Amino acid sequence: MKNRLEEIRKRKGISQEDLAKALEVSRQTIGSLENGRYNPSILLAFKIAHYFHMRIEDIFIYEEE
């Protein structure tokens, strides 16, 4: 699954560390999400969307294989 997390985070001027603290995850988790090595749980996806005041589907792009 692709995502726009890094683009959105940088546009808002938020560091990986600050986002990680706000979401109660590690900075490595944010890096892994941004690099596509890790797909978030539905709970984490909702937390991220809520944090940025966006819809999940505006951040995470589902592509059928």
PDB file of N, CA and C in Angstrom:
ATOM      1  N   MET A   1       0.847  -1.168   0.000  1.00  0.00           N
ATOM      2  CA  MET A   1       0.000   0.000   0.000  1.00  0.00           C
ATOM      3  C   MET A   1       0.902   1.243   0.000  1.00  0.00           C
ATOM      4  N   LYS A   2       0.595   2.154  -0.885  1.00  0.00           N
ATOM      5  CA  LYS A   2       1.349   3.402  -0.939  1.00  0.00           C
ATOM      6  C   LYS A   2       0.719   4.402   0.024  1.00  0.00           C
ATOM      7  N   ASN A   3       1.504   5.428   0.366  1.00  0.00           N
ATOM      8  CA  ASN A   3       0.946   6.472   1.218  1.00  0.00           C
ATOM      9  C   ASN A   3       1.633   7.802   0.943  1.00  0.00           C
ATOM     10  N   ARG A   4       0.998   8.859   1.404  1.00  0.00           N
ATOM     11  CA  ARG A   4       1.496  10.221   1.236  1.00  0.00           C
ATOM     12  C   ARG A   4       1.972  10.794   2.569  1.00  0.00           C
ATOM     13  N   LEU A   5       2.262   9.923   3.516  1.00  0.00           N
ATOM     14  CA  LEU A   5       2.569  10.365   4.870  1.00  0.00           C
ATOM     15  C   LEU A   5       3.773  11.309   4.913  1.00  0.00           C
ATOM     16  N   GLU A   6       4.854  10.947   4.267  1.00  0.00           N
ATOM     17  CA  GLU A   6       6.057  11.794   4.306  1.00  0.00           C
ATOM     18  C   GLU A   6       5.772  13.161   3.687  1.00  0.00           C
ATOM     19  N   GLU A   7       5.115  13.176   2.555  1.00  0.00           N
ATOM     20  CA  GLU A   7       4.769  14.430   1.879  1.00  0.00           C
ATOM     21  C   GLU A   7       3.919  15.332   2.785  1.00  0.00           C
ATOM     22  N   ILE A   8       2.905  14.759   3.390  1.00  0.00           N
ATOM     23  CA  ILE A   8       2.005  15.520   4.258  1.00  0.00           C
ATOM     24  C   ILE A   8       2.739  16.013   5.502  1.00  0.00           C
ATOM     25  N   ARG A   9       3.507  15.140   6.103  1.00  0.00           N
ATOM     26  CA  ARG A   9       4.253  15.498   7.323  1.00  0.00           C
ATOM     27  C   ARG A   9       5.220  16.645   7.038  1.00  0.00           C
ATOM     28  N   LYS A  10       5.968  16.554   5.948  1.00  0.00           N
ATOM     29  CA  LYS A  10       6.947  17.602   5.623  1.00  0.00           C
ATOM     30  C   LYS A  10       6.253  18.914   5.275  1.00  0.00           C
ATOM     31  N   ARG A  11       5.156  18.836   4.550  1.00  0.00           N
ATOM     32  CA  ARG A  11       4.419  20.048   4.178  1.00  0.00           C
ATOM     33  C   ARG A  11       3.943  20.799   5.429  1.00  0.00           C
ATOM     34  N   LYS A  12       3.609  20.042   6.476  1.00  0.00           N
ATOM     35  CA  LYS A  12       3.134  20.652   7.725  1.00  0.00           C
ATOM     36  C   LYS A  12       4.287  21.025   8.662  1.00  0.00           C
ATOM     37  N   GLY A  13       5.527  20.698   8.264  1.00  0.00           N
ATOM     38  CA  GLY A  13       6.688  21.059   9.071  1.00  0.00           C
ATOM     39  C   GLY A  13       6.830  20.255  10.349  1.00  0.00           C
ATOM     40  N   ILE A  14       6.418  18.992  10.312  1.00  0.00           N
ATOM     41  CA  ILE A  14       6.457  18.130  11.491  1.00  0.00           C
ATOM     42  C   ILE A  14       7.573  17.099  11.315  1.00  0.00           C
ATOM     43  N   SER A  15       8.386  16.918  12.342  1.00  0.00           N
ATOM     44  CA  SER A  15       9.456  15.923  12.275  1.00  0.00           C
ATOM     45  C   SER A  15       8.888  14.523  12.504  1.00  0.00           C
ATOM     46  N   GLN A  16       9.642  13.525  12.078  1.00  0.00           N
ATOM     47  CA  GLN A  16       9.240  12.136  12.347  1.00  0.00           C
ATOM     48  C   GLN A  16       9.123  11.921  13.852  1.00  0.00           C
ATOM     49  N   GLU A  17      10.048  12.483  14.594  1.00  0.00           N
ATOM     50  CA  GLU A  17      10.060  12.314  16.057  1.00  0.00           C
ATOM     51  C   GLU A  17       8.803  12.911  16.695  1.00  0.00           C
ATOM     52  N   ASP A  18       8.427  14.116  16.266  1.00  0.00           N
ATOM     53  CA  ASP A  18       7.244  14.760  16.833  1.00  0.00           C
ATOM     54  C   ASP A  18       5.970  14.004  16.474  1.00  0.00           C
ATOM     55  N   LEU A  19       5.894  13.522  15.249  1.00  0.00           N
ATOM     56  CA  LEU A  19       4.722  12.744  14.837  1.00  0.00           C
ATOM     57  C   LEU A  19       4.653  11.446  15.637  1.00  0.00           C
ATOM     58  N   ALA A  20       5.795  10.797  15.795  1.00  0.00           N
ATOM     59  CA  ALA A  20       5.843   9.549  16.556  1.00  0.00           C
ATOM     60  C   ALA A  20       5.358   9.759  17.995  1.00  0.00           C
ATOM     61  N   LYS A  21       5.806  10.831  18.628  1.00  0.00           N
ATOM     62  CA  LYS A  21       5.378  11.121  19.997  1.00  0.00           C
ATOM     63  C   LYS A  21       3.875  11.348  20.055  1.00  0.00           C
ATOM     64  N   ALA A  22       3.349  12.113  19.106  1.00  0.00           N
ATOM     65  CA  ALA A  22       1.910  12.417  19.093  1.00  0.00           C
ATOM     66  C   ALA A  22       1.070  11.155  18.904  1.00  0.00           C
ATOM     67  N   LEU A  23       1.602  10.194  18.141  1.00  0.00           N
ATOM     68  CA  LEU A  23       0.862   8.966  17.846  1.00  0.00           C
ATOM     69  C   LEU A  23       1.199   7.825  18.801  1.00  0.00           C
ATOM     70  N   GLU A  24       2.157   8.077  19.694  1.00  0.00           N
ATOM     71  CA  GLU A  24       2.606   7.075  20.667  1.00  0.00           C
ATOM     72  C   GLU A  24       3.172   5.832  19.983  1.00  0.00           C
ATOM     73  N   VAL A  25       4.030   6.080  18.978  1.00  0.00           N
ATOM     74  CA  VAL A  25       4.768   5.008  18.308  1.00  0.00           C
ATOM     75  C   VAL A  25       6.233   5.443  18.231  1.00  0.00           C
ATOM     76  N   SER A  26       7.104   4.571  17.755  1.00  0.00           N
ATOM     77  CA  SER A  26       8.513   4.930  17.638  1.00  0.00           C
ATOM     78  C   SER A  26       8.764   5.710  16.341  1.00  0.00           C
ATOM     79  N   ARG A  27       9.875   6.453  16.326  1.00  0.00           N
ATOM     80  CA  ARG A  27      10.268   7.159  15.112  1.00  0.00           C
ATOM     81  C   ARG A  27      10.528   6.168  13.994  1.00  0.00           C
ATOM     82  N   GLN A  28      11.040   4.992  14.348  1.00  0.00           N
ATOM     83  CA  GLN A  28      11.298   3.957  13.351  1.00  0.00           C
ATOM     84  C   GLN A  28      10.003   3.500  12.682  1.00  0.00           C
ATOM     85  N   THR A  29       8.916   3.460  13.439  1.00  0.00           N
ATOM     86  CA  THR A  29       7.619   3.091  12.865  1.00  0.00           C
ATOM     87  C   THR A  29       7.205   4.108  11.811  1.00  0.00           C
ATOM     88  N   ILE A  30       7.380   5.387  12.109  1.00  0.00           N
ATOM     89  CA  ILE A  30       7.037   6.426  11.138  1.00  0.00           C
ATOM     90  C   ILE A  30       7.903   6.278   9.887  1.00  0.00           C
ATOM     91  N   GLY A  31       9.182   6.065  10.072  1.00  0.00           N
ATOM     92  CA  GLY A  31      10.086   5.869   8.930  1.00  0.00           C
ATOM     93  C   GLY A  31       9.691   4.662   8.094  1.00  0.00           C
ATOM     94  N   SER A  32       9.335   3.584   8.749  1.00  0.00           N
ATOM     95  CA  SER A  32       8.922   2.373   8.032  1.00  0.00           C
ATOM     96  C   SER A  32       7.616   2.589   7.274  1.00  0.00           C
ATOM     97  N   LEU A  33       6.694   3.322   7.861  1.00  0.00           N
ATOM     98  CA  LEU A  33       5.444   3.651   7.169  1.00  0.00           C
ATOM     99  C   LEU A  33       5.742   4.479   5.925  1.00  0.00           C
ATOM    100  N   GLU A  34       6.576   5.500   6.086  1.00  0.00           N
ATOM    101  CA  GLU A  34       6.885   6.390   4.970  1.00  0.00           C
ATOM    102  C   GLU A  34       7.611   5.674   3.841  1.00  0.00           C
ATOM    103  N   ASN A  35       8.425   4.694   4.183  1.00  0.00           N
ATOM    104  CA  ASN A  35       9.176   3.948   3.169  1.00  0.00           C
ATOM    105  C   ASN A  35       8.408   2.764   2.601  1.00  0.00           C
ATOM    106  N   GLY A  36       7.201   2.541   3.082  1.00  0.00           N
ATOM    107  CA  GLY A  36       6.386   1.451   2.563  1.00  0.00           C
ATOM    108  C   GLY A  36       6.792   0.076   3.049  1.00  0.00           C
ATOM    109  N   ARG A  37       7.634   0.016   4.081  1.00  0.00           N
ATOM    110  CA  ARG A  37       8.050  -1.286   4.624  1.00  0.00           C
ATOM    111  C   ARG A  37       7.023  -1.843   5.596  1.00  0.00           C
ATOM    112  N   TYR A  38       6.084  -1.001   6.001  1.00  0.00           N
ATOM    113  CA  TYR A  38       5.131  -1.377   7.046  1.00  0.00           C
ATOM    114  C   TYR A  38       3.790  -0.731   6.732  1.00  0.00           C
ATOM    115  N   ASN A  39       2.723  -1.515   6.816  1.00  0.00           N
ATOM    116  CA  ASN A  39       1.377  -0.991   6.677  1.00  0.00           C
ATOM    117  C   ASN A  39       0.783  -0.821   8.075  1.00  0.00           C
ATOM    118  N   PRO A  40       0.111   0.294   8.303  1.00  0.00           N
ATOM    119  CA  PRO A  40      -0.401   0.544   9.655  1.00  0.00           C
ATOM    120  C   PRO A  40      -1.599  -0.330   9.989  1.00  0.00           C
ATOM    121  N   SER A  41      -1.782  -0.551  11.271  1.00  0.00           N
ATOM    122  CA  SER A  41      -3.027  -1.167  11.730  1.00  0.00           C
ATOM    123  C   SER A  41      -4.141  -0.177  11.428  1.00  0.00           C
ATOM    124  N   ILE A  42      -5.360  -0.642  11.439  1.00  0.00           N
ATOM    125  CA  ILE A  42      -6.484   0.261  11.187  1.00  0.00           C
ATOM    126  C   ILE A  42      -6.544   1.341  12.266  1.00  0.00           C
ATOM    127  N   LEU A  43      -6.232   0.993  13.497  1.00  0.00           N
ATOM    128  CA  LEU A  43      -6.224   1.972  14.586  1.00  0.00           C
ATOM    129  C   LEU A  43      -5.177   3.054  14.336  1.00  0.00           C
ATOM    130  N   LEU A  44      -3.979   2.662  13.934  1.00  0.00           N
ATOM    131  CA  LEU A  44      -2.928   3.639  13.674  1.00  0.00           C
ATOM    132  C   LEU A  44      -3.289   4.500  12.461  1.00  0.00           C
ATOM    133  N   ALA A  45      -3.872   3.905  11.447  1.00  0.00           N
ATOM    134  CA  ALA A  45      -4.300   4.680  10.272  1.00  0.00           C
ATOM    135  C   ALA A  45      -5.320   5.741  10.679  1.00  0.00           C
ATOM    136  N   PHE A  46      -6.264   5.387  11.542  1.00  0.00           N
ATOM    137  CA  PHE A  46      -7.248   6.352  12.029  1.00  0.00           C
ATOM    138  C   PHE A  46      -6.568   7.460  12.849  1.00  0.00           C
ATOM    139  N   LYS A  47      -5.599   7.086  13.692  1.00  0.00           N
ATOM    140  CA  LYS A  47      -4.889   8.083  14.500  1.00  0.00           C
ATOM    141  C   LYS A  47      -4.148   9.084  13.614  1.00  0.00           C
ATOM    142  N   ILE A  48      -3.498   8.557  12.578  1.00  0.00           N
ATOM    143  CA  ILE A  48      -2.754   9.428  11.660  1.00  0.00           C
ATOM    144  C   ILE A  48      -3.713  10.375  10.939  1.00  0.00           C
ATOM    145  N   ALA A  49      -4.798   9.832  10.431  1.00  0.00           N
ATOM    146  CA  ALA A  49      -5.789  10.655   9.722  1.00  0.00           C
ATOM    147  C   ALA A  49      -6.361  11.726  10.650  1.00  0.00           C
ATOM    148  N   HIS A  50      -6.677  11.346  11.864  1.00  0.00           N
ATOM    149  CA  HIS A  50      -7.222  12.299  12.833  1.00  0.00           C
ATOM    150  C   HIS A  50      -6.200  13.383  13.149  1.00  0.00           C
ATOM    151  N   TYR A  51      -4.950  13.007  13.324  1.00  0.00           N
ATOM    152  CA  TYR A  51      -3.886  13.960  13.643  1.00  0.00           C
ATOM    153  C   TYR A  51      -3.784  15.039  12.563  1.00  0.00           C
ATOM    154  N   PHE A  52      -3.878  14.622  11.309  1.00  0.00           N
ATOM    155  CA  PHE A  52      -3.742  15.573  10.195  1.00  0.00           C
ATOM    156  C   PHE A  52      -5.081  16.160   9.745  1.00  0.00           C
ATOM    157  N   HIS A  53      -6.172  15.785  10.411  1.00  0.00           N
ATOM    158  CA  HIS A  53      -7.514  16.262  10.039  1.00  0.00           C
ATOM    159  C   HIS A  53      -7.817  15.923   8.579  1.00  0.00           C
ATOM    160  N   MET A  54      -7.522  14.668   8.227  1.00  0.00           N
ATOM    161  CA  MET A  54      -7.743  14.189   6.868  1.00  0.00           C
ATOM    162  C   MET A  54      -8.469  12.849   6.918  1.00  0.00           C
ATOM    163  N   ARG A  55      -8.912  12.392   5.766  1.00  0.00           N
ATOM    164  CA  ARG A  55      -9.505  11.061   5.670  1.00  0.00           C
ATOM    165  C   ARG A  55      -8.385  10.036   5.450  1.00  0.00           C
ATOM    166  N   ILE A  56      -8.581   8.831   5.930  1.00  0.00           N
ATOM    167  CA  ILE A  56      -7.575   7.776   5.749  1.00  0.00           C
ATOM    168  C   ILE A  56      -7.214   7.625   4.277  1.00  0.00           C
ATOM    169  N   GLU A  57      -8.233   7.617   3.409  1.00  0.00           N
ATOM    170  CA  GLU A  57      -7.980   7.385   1.986  1.00  0.00           C
ATOM    171  C   GLU A  57      -7.268   8.552   1.311  1.00  0.00           C
ATOM    172  N   ASP A  58      -7.156   9.696   1.975  1.00  0.00           N
ATOM    173  CA  ASP A  58      -6.370  10.802   1.439  1.00  0.00           C
ATOM    174  C   ASP A  58      -4.889  10.661   1.793  1.00  0.00           C
ATOM    175  N   ILE A  59      -4.578   9.779   2.707  1.00  0.00           N
ATOM    176  CA  ILE A  59      -3.196   9.544   3.136  1.00  0.00           C
ATOM    177  C   ILE A  59      -2.683   8.211   2.598  1.00  0.00           C
ATOM    178  N   PHE A  60      -3.506   7.175   2.719  1.00  0.00           N
ATOM    179  CA  PHE A  60      -3.112   5.826   2.312  1.00  0.00           C
ATOM    180  C   PHE A  60      -3.838   5.434   1.032  1.00  0.00           C
ATOM    181  N   ILE A  61      -3.062   4.958   0.057  1.00  0.00           N
ATOM    182  CA  ILE A  61      -3.613   4.619  -1.255  1.00  0.00           C
ATOM    183  C   ILE A  61      -3.606   3.110  -1.409  1.00  0.00           C
ATOM    184  N   TYR A  62      -4.791   2.540  -1.434  1.00  0.00           N
ATOM    185  CA  TYR A  62      -4.922   1.091  -1.608  1.00  0.00           C
ATOM    186  C   TYR A  62      -4.856   0.750  -3.089  1.00  0.00           C
ATOM    187  N   GLU A  63      -4.009  -0.213  -3.420  1.00  0.00           N
ATOM    188  CA  GLU A  63      -3.896  -0.680  -4.795  1.00  0.00           C
ATOM    189  C   GLU A  63      -4.075  -2.194  -4.811  1.00  0.00           C
ATOM    190  N   GLU A  64      -4.998  -2.658  -5.602  1.00  0.00           N
ATOM    191  CA  GLU A  64      -5.169  -4.113  -5.731  1.00  0.00           C
ATOM    192  C   GLU A  64      -3.984  -4.672  -6.483  1.00  0.00           C
ATOM    193  N   GLU A  65      -3.579  -5.867  -6.094  1.00  0.00           N
ATOM    194  CA  GLU A  65      -2.396  -6.459  -6.714  1.00  0.00           C
ATOM    195  C   GLU A  65      -2.711  -7.206  -7.965  1.00  0.00           C
TER     196      GLU A  65
END
